[in-house]
Amino acid sequence: MQIDVYNPDNYTGGIPHQQFAWLRNNAPVYWHDHPDGGGYWVLSKHADVIEVSRDFKTFSAERGFVMVDDLPPDILEMARGQLLGLDPPKHGPLRRAVISRFTSRMMEQLEPQVRDIARGIMRDARDTGEVNFVESLAGDLPTAVIGSLLEIPSDMWPQIRQWSDLQTSASDPDLGGTTEQVNQASVEMGTYGYQLASERKDQGGDDLMSLLINQEVDGEKVSEMEFASLFIQITVAGNETTRGLISSGMHELIRKPELYRQLEANPEQLPTAIEEMVRWTCPLHYFRRTATRDTEIRGQSIREGDRVVMLYSSANFDEEVFEQPMSFDIRRDPNPHLAFGHGIHLCLGANLARMEARVFFEEFFRHFSGIEATGEPVFIRSNSIHGFKQMPVRLLPRV
């Protein structure tokens, strides 16, 4: 089989399951050519993704960042300020500061606000008839939640989403832009975040922006560049992955109306169902690490400096871990998916994404008697982000 998991065109039909299955069964540690003339190792098995995720001393996120493409030095320096691109010891203090706002207790306190936002979205959508579900419903909730969490003025939320889309979907001509435009979006977004937070410096606040702007690393407060990187990570991750989870999860329920009715009648089953939606949709295809020393994976020699890509959207369908992995089973339990990553870089917003999705579906069921597809969804052209950019539907409000 011809293997090309780099070309974004190969993701316009969703996860390339045939290629990933071949890799898992025939070459779980696979050398893949890269357009820059080099190459990288592709890991497709669940166990190997976990092993590399845990061994941050051998497999660094900081050394080359987490994207398979090497970044220009100036952009790499900025990206290294993101938690997902930091290794210990710098990683620990910043993660502890951020995670204090994403604990289960904090999510319980935040849920009423999220529910109010969700209800407003449903009310606004009642009379719209046919809509692009991704933009009109699934995208509005995470944008509003992260905007509220960071106390970003609501008139800036559309701009935040535009900046986010530019950076995560650069390979899609409908959403992205030139390299210069993408880099400019990153700079503008980070600068805006720092300006927004700078007035909270040394004011003793306990909101997330204040905690970040006043956080110390090695005895010094975070720099403007470090804060800008953190702001970008939180806002982008808060937008893209949850939007993908909600829209792709709803798509599966539309395709399987018996599951839609089951969850509508038994919303207490939503937490388990959402875990399966996360596994199935896997909003992020991969992250990269860089080997810090010569090592081996499954007997395959890995040299210091080699790029190593962990395919989450393959690991989530590993036949050795998941029974009937190609079956969308909303009762699957346990469900050890890796859609939120693993180890010290486990997604900080995982609990928030789960809660947002649960609240979204609960409120959708209350406000609408059903939903119908009016066309085929269109995937984002990306080897990194997995999700729809268009999902035409007809909403059926309750009377």
Protein backbone atom coordinates (compact mmCIF):
# COMPACT_ATOMS: atom_id res chain seq x y z
CA MET A 1 0.00 0.00 0.00
CA GLN A 2 1.18 3.52 -0.79
CA ILE A 3 1.57 5.38 2.50
CA ASP A 4 1.32 9.15 2.64
CA VAL A 5 0.07 10.49 5.95
CA TYR A 6 1.60 13.92 5.34
CA ASN A 7 -0.40 15.14 2.34
CA PRO A 8 -3.45 17.04 3.68
CA ASP A 9 -5.44 15.96 0.62
CA ASN A 10 -5.51 12.47 2.11
CA TYR A 11 -7.58 13.78 5.04
CA THR A 12 -10.39 15.42 3.08
CA GLY A 13 -12.40 12.21 3.50
CA GLY A 14 -11.73 12.02 7.22
CA ILE A 15 -9.26 9.77 9.02
CA PRO A 16 -7.37 7.66 6.42
CA HIS A 17 -8.26 4.43 8.22
CA GLN A 18 -6.91 2.07 5.54
CA GLN A 19 -3.45 3.58 5.66
CA PHE A 20 -3.42 3.69 9.46
CA ALA A 21 -4.57 0.05 9.75
CA TRP A 22 -1.81 -1.02 7.35
CA LEU A 23 0.77 0.83 9.44
CA ARG A 24 -0.45 -0.73 12.70
CA ASN A 25 -0.36 -4.23 11.21
CA ASN A 26 2.76 -4.01 9.06
CA ALA A 27 5.01 -1.11 10.06
CA PRO A 28 4.08 0.34 13.48
CA VAL A 29 7.34 2.33 13.49
CA TYR A 30 7.46 3.71 9.95
CA TRP A 31 9.97 6.05 8.30
CA HIS A 32 8.06 8.66 6.29
CA ASP A 33 9.62 11.08 3.83
CA HIS A 34 9.08 14.79 4.42
CA PRO A 35 8.89 17.46 1.68
CA ASP A 36 11.81 19.30 3.29
CA GLY A 37 14.08 16.47 2.15
CA GLY A 38 14.31 14.75 5.52
CA GLY A 39 11.87 12.43 7.16
CA TYR A 40 10.25 11.37 10.40
CA TRP A 41 9.13 8.29 12.30
CA VAL A 42 5.39 7.58 12.43
CA LEU A 43 4.00 5.69 15.44
CA SER A 44 0.57 4.19 14.86
CA LYS A 45 0.14 1.84 17.85
CA HIS A 46 -1.52 2.82 21.12
CA ALA A 47 1.27 1.39 23.32
CA ASP A 48 4.02 3.25 21.45
CA VAL A 49 2.19 6.57 21.64
CA ILE A 50 1.86 6.11 25.41
CA GLU A 51 5.53 5.15 25.77
CA VAL A 52 6.78 8.22 23.91
CA SER A 53 4.29 10.51 25.67
CA ARG A 54 5.58 9.38 29.06
CA ASP A 55 9.31 9.55 28.29
CA PHE A 56 9.78 13.32 28.05
CA LYS A 57 13.50 13.01 28.77
CA THR A 58 14.08 11.00 25.59
CA PHE A 59 11.33 12.52 23.46
CA SER A 60 11.22 16.30 23.74
CA ALA A 61 8.32 18.58 22.87
CA GLU A 62 10.49 21.66 23.36
CA ARG A 63 13.41 20.81 21.10
CA GLY A 64 11.50 21.00 17.82
CA PHE A 65 7.97 21.84 18.99
CA VAL A 66 5.00 19.55 18.28
CA MET A 67 4.29 20.00 14.55
CA VAL A 68 5.95 17.75 11.99
CA ASP A 69 7.13 20.75 9.95
CA ASP A 70 10.20 22.46 11.38
CA LEU A 71 9.35 26.04 12.28
CA PRO A 72 11.42 29.14 11.42
CA PRO A 73 13.66 30.08 14.38
CA ASP A 74 11.63 33.17 15.36
CA ILE A 75 8.31 31.31 15.29
CA LEU A 76 9.86 28.31 17.10
CA GLU A 77 11.04 30.59 19.90
CA MET A 78 7.54 31.96 20.34
CA ALA A 79 5.92 28.52 20.10
CA ARG A 80 8.18 27.16 22.84
CA GLY A 81 6.30 29.35 25.30
CA GLN A 82 3.21 27.19 24.87
CA LEU A 83 2.70 24.52 27.50
CA LEU A 84 2.38 21.85 24.84
CA GLY A 85 5.85 22.83 23.62
CA LEU A 86 7.61 22.91 27.01
CA ASP A 87 9.56 20.20 28.80
CA PRO A 88 10.27 20.01 32.54
CA PRO A 89 11.34 21.89 34.57
CA LYS A 90 9.74 24.93 32.88
CA HIS A 91 6.57 22.99 32.12
CA GLY A 92 5.57 22.25 35.74
CA PRO A 93 4.95 25.71 37.29
CA LEU A 94 3.01 26.99 34.29
CA ARG A 95 0.88 23.87 34.04
CA ARG A 96 0.04 24.00 37.76
CA ALA A 97 -1.05 27.62 37.40
CA VAL A 98 -3.32 26.89 34.46
CA ILE A 99 -4.72 23.58 35.68
CA SER A 100 -5.97 25.25 38.85
CA ARG A 101 -8.70 26.79 36.68
CA PHE A 102 -9.66 23.48 35.06
CA THR A 103 -10.23 21.19 38.04
CA SER A 104 -13.48 19.26 38.48
CA ARG A 105 -14.54 21.73 41.18
CA MET A 106 -13.91 24.70 38.90
CA MET A 107 -15.88 23.00 36.12
CA GLU A 108 -18.86 22.59 38.49
CA GLN A 109 -18.72 26.31 39.25
CA LEU A 110 -18.41 27.18 35.55
CA GLU A 111 -21.21 24.90 34.32
CA PRO A 112 -24.13 27.30 35.00
CA GLN A 113 -22.40 29.96 32.90
CA VAL A 114 -21.72 27.46 30.10
CA ARG A 115 -25.36 26.36 30.23
CA ASP A 116 -26.58 29.95 29.94
CA ILE A 117 -24.37 30.44 26.89
CA ALA A 118 -25.61 27.18 25.34
CA ARG A 119 -29.26 28.15 25.91
CA GLY A 120 -28.69 31.49 24.23
CA ILE A 121 -27.15 29.76 21.21
CA MET A 122 -30.13 27.39 20.97
CA ARG A 123 -32.65 30.23 21.23
CA ASP A 124 -30.86 32.19 18.51
CA ALA A 125 -30.82 29.13 16.25
CA ARG A 126 -34.49 28.15 16.65
CA ASP A 127 -35.79 29.98 13.61
CA THR A 128 -32.79 29.63 11.32
CA GLY A 129 -33.93 26.49 9.51
CA GLU A 130 -30.99 25.31 7.41
CA VAL A 131 -27.57 26.19 8.81
CA ASN A 132 -23.92 25.21 8.74
CA PHE A 133 -23.90 23.40 12.08
CA VAL A 134 -20.15 23.89 12.51
CA GLU A 135 -20.28 27.68 12.38
CA SER A 136 -23.75 28.43 13.67
CA LEU A 137 -23.86 26.09 16.68
CA ALA A 138 -20.81 23.94 17.38
CA GLY A 139 -18.34 26.80 16.99
CA ASP A 140 -20.23 29.41 18.99
CA LEU A 141 -20.17 27.63 22.33
CA PRO A 142 -16.40 27.06 22.78
CA THR A 143 -15.63 30.54 21.46
CA ALA A 144 -18.00 32.13 23.96
CA VAL A 145 -16.82 29.93 26.84
CA ILE A 146 -13.12 30.57 26.34
CA GLY A 147 -13.86 34.25 25.74
CA SER A 148 -15.76 34.42 29.03
CA LEU A 149 -13.13 32.40 30.90
CA LEU A 150 -10.39 34.80 29.79
CA GLU A 151 -12.68 37.84 30.09
CA ILE A 152 -12.17 38.77 26.44
CA PRO A 153 -14.69 41.43 25.30
CA SER A 154 -17.48 39.74 23.33
CA ASP A 155 -17.01 42.00 20.31
CA MET A 156 -13.55 40.40 19.90
CA TRP A 157 -14.78 36.79 19.88
CA PRO A 158 -15.20 36.61 16.06
CA GLN A 159 -11.66 37.94 15.65
CA ILE A 160 -10.34 35.35 18.11
CA ARG A 161 -11.96 32.59 16.06
CA GLN A 162 -10.56 34.00 12.81
CA TRP A 163 -7.04 34.13 14.23
CA SER A 164 -7.48 30.60 15.54
CA ASP A 165 -8.69 29.21 12.20
CA LEU A 166 -5.81 30.82 10.34
CA GLN A 167 -3.24 29.14 12.57
CA THR A 168 -4.74 25.66 12.72
CA SER A 169 -6.09 25.29 9.19
CA ALA A 170 -3.40 26.96 7.11
CA SER A 171 -3.39 24.07 4.62
CA ASP A 172 -7.09 24.55 3.82
CA PRO A 173 -7.60 27.22 1.13
CA ASP A 174 -11.04 28.08 2.54
CA LEU A 175 -9.76 28.73 6.06
CA GLY A 176 -6.03 29.36 5.95
CA GLY A 177 -3.72 31.82 4.31
CA THR A 178 -0.12 32.31 3.27
CA THR A 179 2.72 31.55 5.66
CA GLU A 180 3.08 35.27 6.23
CA GLN A 181 -0.62 35.66 7.05
CA VAL A 182 -0.53 32.71 9.46
CA ASN A 183 2.54 34.06 11.25
CA GLN A 184 0.97 37.52 11.36
CA ALA A 185 -2.19 36.08 12.91
CA SER A 186 -0.08 34.44 15.60
CA VAL A 187 1.73 37.70 16.38
CA GLU A 188 -1.49 39.75 16.43
CA MET A 189 -3.28 37.24 18.65
CA GLY A 190 -0.41 37.01 21.13
CA THR A 191 0.04 40.79 21.24
CA TYR A 192 -3.67 41.31 21.84
CA GLY A 193 -3.66 38.79 24.69
CA TYR A 194 -0.69 40.41 26.37
CA GLN A 195 -2.21 43.89 26.09
CA LEU A 196 -5.45 42.55 27.58
CA ALA A 197 -3.64 40.96 30.51
CA SER A 198 -0.99 43.60 31.22
CA GLU A 199 -3.38 45.76 33.24
CA ARG A 200 -3.82 42.82 35.65
CA LYS A 201 -0.11 42.55 36.37
CA ASP A 202 0.69 42.69 40.11
CA GLN A 203 -2.97 43.32 40.98
CA GLY A 204 -3.42 40.13 42.98
CA GLY A 205 -6.34 38.77 40.94
CA ASP A 206 -7.14 35.05 40.86
CA ASP A 207 -8.71 34.89 37.39
CA LEU A 208 -6.88 32.85 34.75
CA MET A 209 -5.35 35.86 32.98
CA SER A 210 -4.00 37.24 36.26
CA LEU A 211 -2.56 33.86 37.25
CA LEU A 212 -0.73 33.58 33.95
CA ILE A 213 0.58 37.13 33.69
CA ASN A 214 1.90 36.97 37.27
CA GLN A 215 3.31 33.43 37.09
CA GLU A 216 7.02 33.05 37.89
CA VAL A 217 9.41 30.67 36.16
CA ASP A 218 12.94 30.37 37.56
CA GLY A 219 12.21 33.33 39.83
CA GLU A 220 11.10 35.62 37.04
CA LYS A 221 7.64 36.44 35.80
CA VAL A 222 6.69 35.18 32.37
CA SER A 223 7.89 37.37 29.52
CA GLU A 224 5.62 39.00 26.98
CA MET A 225 6.52 36.29 24.46
CA GLU A 226 5.86 33.48 26.96
CA PHE A 227 2.49 34.92 27.92
CA ALA A 228 1.53 35.49 24.28
CA SER A 229 2.29 31.83 23.55
CA LEU A 230 0.19 30.64 26.49
CA PHE A 231 -2.70 32.86 25.45
CA ILE A 232 -2.58 31.49 21.90
CA GLN A 233 -2.53 27.88 23.09
CA ILE A 234 -5.49 28.28 25.45
CA THR A 235 -7.67 30.19 23.00
CA VAL A 236 -6.86 28.06 19.96
CA ALA A 237 -7.23 24.74 21.78
CA GLY A 238 -10.41 25.96 23.43
CA ASN A 239 -11.93 26.71 20.04
CA GLU A 240 -10.83 24.06 17.59
CA THR A 241 -11.01 20.77 19.44
CA THR A 242 -14.37 21.32 21.13
CA ARG A 243 -15.94 22.55 17.89
CA GLY A 244 -14.71 19.40 16.18
CA LEU A 245 -15.95 17.16 18.97
CA ILE A 246 -19.47 18.61 19.01
CA SER A 247 -19.96 18.74 15.24
CA SER A 248 -18.48 15.31 14.52
CA GLY A 249 -20.35 13.80 17.47
CA MET A 250 -23.65 15.21 16.22
CA HIS A 251 -22.88 13.91 12.73
CA GLU A 252 -22.65 10.36 14.08
CA LEU A 253 -25.97 10.78 15.88
CA ILE A 254 -27.59 12.03 12.66
CA ARG A 255 -26.22 8.97 10.84
CA LYS A 256 -27.55 6.70 13.60
CA PRO A 257 -30.93 8.15 14.65
CA GLU A 258 -31.55 5.31 17.09
CA LEU A 259 -28.53 6.54 19.11
CA TYR A 260 -29.82 10.11 18.91
CA ARG A 261 -33.17 9.02 20.40
CA GLN A 262 -31.43 6.88 23.02
CA LEU A 263 -29.39 9.82 24.30
CA GLU A 264 -32.32 12.20 24.01
CA ALA A 265 -34.35 9.91 26.27
CA ASN A 266 -31.43 9.06 28.56
CA PRO A 267 -29.15 12.11 28.85
CA GLU A 268 -27.44 10.53 31.86
CA GLN A 269 -25.67 8.33 29.28
CA LEU A 270 -24.02 11.36 27.67
CA PRO A 271 -20.69 11.24 29.59
CA THR A 272 -19.91 7.73 28.30
CA ALA A 273 -21.20 8.63 24.83
CA ILE A 274 -19.02 11.74 24.71
CA GLU A 275 -15.91 9.67 25.46
CA GLU A 276 -16.74 7.59 22.39
CA MET A 277 -17.32 10.75 20.35
CA VAL A 278 -13.88 11.97 21.42
CA ARG A 279 -12.25 8.64 20.49
CA TRP A 280 -14.09 8.43 17.19
CA THR A 281 -13.58 12.00 16.03
CA CYS A 282 -10.11 12.56 17.56
CA PRO A 283 -9.96 16.33 16.87
CA LEU A 284 -6.15 16.26 16.60
CA HIS A 285 -4.42 13.73 14.35
CA TYR A 286 -0.93 13.89 15.82
CA PHE A 287 1.77 15.61 17.84
CA ARG A 288 5.50 15.39 17.30
CA ARG A 289 8.44 14.78 19.59
CA THR A 290 12.18 15.04 18.89
CA ALA A 291 14.61 12.39 20.15
CA THR A 292 17.18 13.80 22.57
CA ARG A 293 19.43 10.71 22.36
CA ASP A 294 19.88 7.53 20.38
CA THR A 295 17.19 5.04 21.39
CA GLU A 296 14.91 2.28 20.09
CA ILE A 297 11.17 1.73 19.60
CA ARG A 298 10.10 -1.87 18.89
CA GLY A 299 13.71 -2.65 18.02
CA GLN A 300 13.88 0.16 15.47
CA SER A 301 16.85 2.47 15.98
CA ILE A 302 15.92 6.12 16.52
CA ARG A 303 18.76 8.63 16.25
CA GLU A 304 19.19 11.77 18.30
CA GLY A 305 17.44 14.63 16.52
CA ASP A 306 14.96 12.37 14.69
CA ARG A 307 11.38 13.59 14.48
CA VAL A 308 8.84 11.16 15.97
CA VAL A 309 5.13 11.60 15.21
CA MET A 310 2.47 10.07 17.46
CA LEU A 311 -0.67 9.32 15.44
CA TYR A 312 -3.49 9.70 17.97
CA SER A 313 -6.15 9.11 15.33
CA SER A 314 -4.55 5.73 14.57
CA ALA A 315 -3.92 4.74 18.19
CA ASN A 316 -7.61 5.33 18.94
CA PHE A 317 -8.50 2.50 16.55
CA ASP A 318 -5.83 0.03 17.68
CA GLU A 319 -7.35 -3.46 17.51
CA GLU A 320 -5.19 -4.62 20.42
CA VAL A 321 -6.79 -2.06 22.72
CA PHE A 322 -10.34 -1.48 21.45
CA GLU A 323 -12.84 -4.24 20.74
CA GLN A 324 -14.42 -3.63 17.33
CA PRO A 325 -12.69 -0.22 17.01
CA MET A 326 -14.54 0.66 13.79
CA SER A 327 -17.86 0.46 15.61
CA PHE A 328 -19.22 3.69 17.11
CA ASP A 329 -20.32 2.36 20.51
CA ILE A 330 -21.72 4.98 22.91
CA ARG A 331 -21.62 2.41 25.73
CA ARG A 332 -17.91 1.65 25.31
CA ASP A 333 -16.38 1.39 28.78
CA PRO A 334 -13.52 1.47 29.52
CA ASN A 335 -12.43 3.77 26.72
CA PRO A 336 -8.68 4.49 27.01
CA HIS A 337 -8.53 6.79 23.97
CA LEU A 338 -5.64 9.18 23.44
CA ALA A 339 -7.55 12.03 21.83
CA PHE A 340 -6.53 14.32 24.71
CA GLY A 341 -2.94 13.11 24.66
CA HIS A 342 -1.18 11.37 27.54
CA GLY A 343 1.40 12.03 30.23
CA ILE A 344 2.57 15.46 31.32
CA HIS A 345 1.07 17.05 28.20
CA LEU A 346 -2.41 15.65 28.70
CA CYS A 347 -4.82 18.31 27.43
CA LEU A 348 -5.48 20.87 30.16
CA GLY A 349 -8.95 21.59 28.84
CA ALA A 350 -10.12 17.97 28.63
CA ASN A 351 -12.60 18.38 31.49
CA LEU A 352 -13.85 21.64 30.01
CA ALA A 353 -14.36 20.07 26.58
CA ARG A 354 -16.26 17.15 28.10
CA MET A 355 -18.49 19.47 30.10
CA GLU A 356 -19.14 21.79 27.15
CA ALA A 357 -20.11 18.86 24.93
CA ARG A 358 -22.41 17.35 27.57
CA VAL A 359 -24.15 20.67 28.22
CA PHE A 360 -24.45 21.35 24.49
CA PHE A 361 -26.23 18.06 23.79
CA GLU A 362 -28.45 18.36 26.88
CA GLU A 363 -29.63 21.80 25.78
CA PHE A 364 -29.94 20.79 22.14
CA PHE A 365 -32.27 17.93 23.08
CA ARG A 366 -34.36 20.34 25.17
CA HIS A 367 -34.71 22.94 22.42
CA PHE A 368 -34.99 20.78 19.30
CA SER A 369 -37.08 17.74 18.46
CA GLY A 370 -34.59 16.64 15.83
CA ILE A 371 -31.96 17.51 13.25
CA GLU A 372 -31.61 16.45 9.61
CA ALA A 373 -28.63 16.47 7.29
CA THR A 374 -29.27 18.51 4.13
CA GLY A 375 -25.95 17.69 2.50
CA GLU A 376 -22.67 15.90 3.05
CA PRO A 377 -20.24 17.42 5.57
CA VAL A 378 -16.91 18.74 4.30
CA PHE A 379 -13.73 18.01 6.22
CA ILE A 380 -10.98 20.53 6.90
CA ARG A 381 -8.04 19.92 4.58
CA SER A 382 -5.43 19.29 7.25
CA ASN A 383 -3.05 16.56 8.39
CA SER A 384 -3.25 18.04 11.89
CA ILE A 385 -6.83 19.12 12.68
CA HIS A 386 -9.62 16.59 12.20
CA GLY A 387 -13.06 18.11 11.88
CA PHE A 388 -15.67 19.56 9.57
CA LYS A 389 -15.66 23.03 8.10
CA GLN A 390 -19.16 22.58 6.69
CA MET A 391 -22.03 20.46 7.97
CA PRO A 392 -25.34 21.55 6.42
CA VAL A 393 -28.35 20.62 8.56
CA ARG A 394 -31.98 21.50 9.14
CA LEU A 395 -32.97 22.19 12.74
CA LEU A 396 -36.38 21.05 13.99
CA PRO A 397 -37.38 23.23 16.96
CA ARG A 398 -39.72 21.96 19.64
CA VAL A 399 -43.13 23.61 19.56
